Amino acid sequence: MAALKGVIDIKETIYTIPVMEALENPGECAFCAMYNGLEKNTIHSLVGPSVAYMEDHVRLATNKLGFCPTHLDKMYA
């Protein structure tokens, strides 16, 4: 975040860190960077080593709501 020091004066807090990290990535829209990161982390949380999907409350919610074809494919990938 050193590259933005003095350019953008935002107090560093737990919720501004992702914004500052996204703004430091040249060539990618900050909103796209945050969205893609959130999407990747969420999919990893559901199907990664911790397998949060196996927890009853998560499985019940996802069984009820389902997934769109795009994200279902990304989970299988």
C-alpha atoms as a PDB file:
ATOM      1  CA  MET A   1       0.000   0.000   0.000  1.00  0.00           C
ATOM      2  CA  ALA A   2       3.047   2.200   0.003  1.00  0.00           C
ATOM      3  CA  ALA A   3       2.453   3.216  -3.625  1.00  0.00           C
ATOM      4  CA  LEU A   4      -0.739   5.029  -2.655  1.00  0.00           C
ATOM      5  CA  LYS A   5       0.619   6.800   0.435  1.00  0.00           C
ATOM      6  CA  GLY A   6       0.044  10.505  -0.025  1.00  0.00           C
ATOM      7  CA  VAL A   7      -2.021   9.987  -3.195  1.00  0.00           C
ATOM      8  CA  ILE A   8      -5.123   8.645  -1.514  1.00  0.00           C
ATOM      9  CA  ASP A   9      -5.494   9.493   2.138  1.00  0.00           C
ATOM     10  CA  ILE A  10      -7.730   6.798   3.587  1.00  0.00           C
ATOM     11  CA  LYS A  11      -7.334   5.667   7.170  1.00  0.00           C
ATOM     12  CA  GLU A  12      -6.293   2.003   7.118  1.00  0.00           C
ATOM     13  CA  THR A  13      -8.948  -0.136   8.771  1.00  0.00           C
ATOM     14  CA  ILE A  14     -10.099  -3.714   8.330  1.00  0.00           C
ATOM     15  CA  TYR A  15     -12.653  -2.661   5.702  1.00  0.00           C
ATOM     16  CA  THR A  16     -10.424  -0.269   3.733  1.00  0.00           C
ATOM     17  CA  ILE A  17      -7.543  -2.739   3.242  1.00  0.00           C
ATOM     18  CA  PRO A  18      -9.244  -4.582   0.318  1.00  0.00           C
ATOM     19  CA  VAL A  19     -10.025  -1.237  -1.321  1.00  0.00           C
ATOM     20  CA  MET A  20      -6.431  -0.046  -1.034  1.00  0.00           C
ATOM     21  CA  GLU A  21      -5.101  -3.384  -2.326  1.00  0.00           C
ATOM     22  CA  ALA A  22      -7.471  -3.233  -5.304  1.00  0.00           C
ATOM     23  CA  LEU A  23      -6.383   0.319  -6.117  1.00  0.00           C
ATOM     24  CA  GLU A  24      -2.725  -0.735  -6.140  1.00  0.00           C
ATOM     25  CA  ASN A  25      -3.277  -3.260  -8.949  1.00  0.00           C
ATOM     26  CA  PRO A  26      -2.579  -1.304 -12.135  1.00  0.00           C
ATOM     27  CA  GLY A  27      -4.523  -2.294 -15.216  1.00  0.00           C
ATOM     28  CA  GLU A  28      -7.528  -3.787 -13.469  1.00  0.00           C
ATOM     29  CA  CYS A  29     -10.643  -1.983 -12.325  1.00  0.00           C
ATOM     30  CA  ALA A  30     -10.647  -1.778  -8.525  1.00  0.00           C
ATOM     31  CA  PHE A  31     -14.259  -2.967  -8.386  1.00  0.00           C
ATOM     32  CA  CYS A  32     -13.484  -5.958 -10.624  1.00  0.00           C
ATOM     33  CA  ALA A  33     -10.429  -6.813  -8.522  1.00  0.00           C
ATOM     34  CA  MET A  34     -12.471  -6.765  -5.306  1.00  0.00           C
ATOM     35  CA  TYR A  35     -15.324  -8.758  -6.869  1.00  0.00           C
ATOM     36  CA  ASN A  36     -13.005 -11.377  -8.347  1.00  0.00           C
ATOM     37  CA  GLY A  37     -11.125 -11.722  -5.075  1.00  0.00           C
ATOM     38  CA  LEU A  38     -14.336 -12.117  -3.089  1.00  0.00           C
ATOM     39  CA  GLU A  39     -15.670 -14.664  -5.569  1.00  0.00           C
ATOM     40  CA  LYS A  40     -12.434 -16.677  -5.457  1.00  0.00           C
ATOM     41  CA  ASN A  41     -12.266 -16.612  -1.644  1.00  0.00           C
ATOM     42  CA  THR A  42     -15.920 -17.606  -1.263  1.00  0.00           C
ATOM     43  CA  ILE A  43     -15.600 -20.554  -3.643  1.00  0.00           C
ATOM     44  CA  HIS A  44     -12.417 -21.628  -1.853  1.00  0.00           C
ATOM     45  CA  SER A  45     -14.247 -21.426   1.494  1.00  0.00           C
ATOM     46  CA  LEU A  46     -17.014 -23.689   0.230  1.00  0.00           C
ATOM     47  CA  VAL A  47     -14.935 -26.350  -1.509  1.00  0.00           C
ATOM     48  CA  GLY A  48     -11.400 -25.821  -0.213  1.00  0.00           C
ATOM     49  CA  PRO A  49      -9.548 -27.754   2.479  1.00  0.00           C
ATOM     50  CA  SER A  50     -11.797 -26.532   5.303  1.00  0.00           C
ATOM     51  CA  VAL A  51     -14.896 -27.731   3.398  1.00  0.00           C
ATOM     52  CA  ALA A  52     -17.326 -25.289   5.010  1.00  0.00           C
ATOM     53  CA  TYR A  53     -19.956 -26.731   2.680  1.00  0.00           C
ATOM     54  CA  MET A  54     -20.213 -29.810   4.886  1.00  0.00           C
ATOM     55  CA  GLU A  55     -21.477 -27.759   7.826  1.00  0.00           C
ATOM     56  CA  ASP A  56     -25.222 -28.315   8.193  1.00  0.00           C
ATOM     57  CA  HIS A  57     -26.317 -24.664   8.117  1.00  0.00           C
ATOM     58  CA  VAL A  58     -24.236 -23.941   4.993  1.00  0.00           C
ATOM     59  CA  ARG A  59     -25.438 -27.043   3.152  1.00  0.00           C
ATOM     60  CA  LEU A  60     -29.089 -26.362   4.038  1.00  0.00           C
ATOM     61  CA  ALA A  61     -28.862 -22.761   2.805  1.00  0.00           C
ATOM     62  CA  THR A  62     -27.110 -23.678  -0.439  1.00  0.00           C
ATOM     63  CA  ASN A  63     -29.486 -26.571  -1.088  1.00  0.00           C
ATOM     64  CA  LYS A  64     -32.404 -24.159  -0.721  1.00  0.00           C
ATOM     65  CA  LEU A  65     -30.895 -21.313  -2.789  1.00  0.00           C
ATOM     66  CA  GLY A  66     -28.745 -23.251  -5.247  1.00  0.00           C
ATOM     67  CA  PHE A  67     -26.011 -21.859  -7.485  1.00  0.00           C
ATOM     68  CA  CYS A  68     -26.080 -20.305 -10.929  1.00  0.00           C
ATOM     69  CA  PRO A  69     -24.460 -22.373 -13.723  1.00  0.00           C
ATOM     70  CA  THR A  70     -21.424 -20.083 -13.853  1.00  0.00           C
ATOM     71  CA  HIS A  71     -20.566 -20.471 -10.184  1.00  0.00           C
ATOM     72  CA  LEU A  72     -21.445 -24.155 -10.138  1.00  0.00           C
ATOM     73  CA  ASP A  73     -18.853 -24.652 -12.908  1.00  0.00           C
ATOM     74  CA  LYS A  74     -16.300 -22.572 -10.987  1.00  0.00           C
ATOM     75  CA  MET A  75     -16.843 -24.680  -7.868  1.00  0.00           C
ATOM     76  CA  TYR A  76     -16.246 -27.903  -9.809  1.00  0.00           C
ATOM     77  CA  ALA A  77     -13.136 -26.394 -11.404  1.00  0.00           C
END
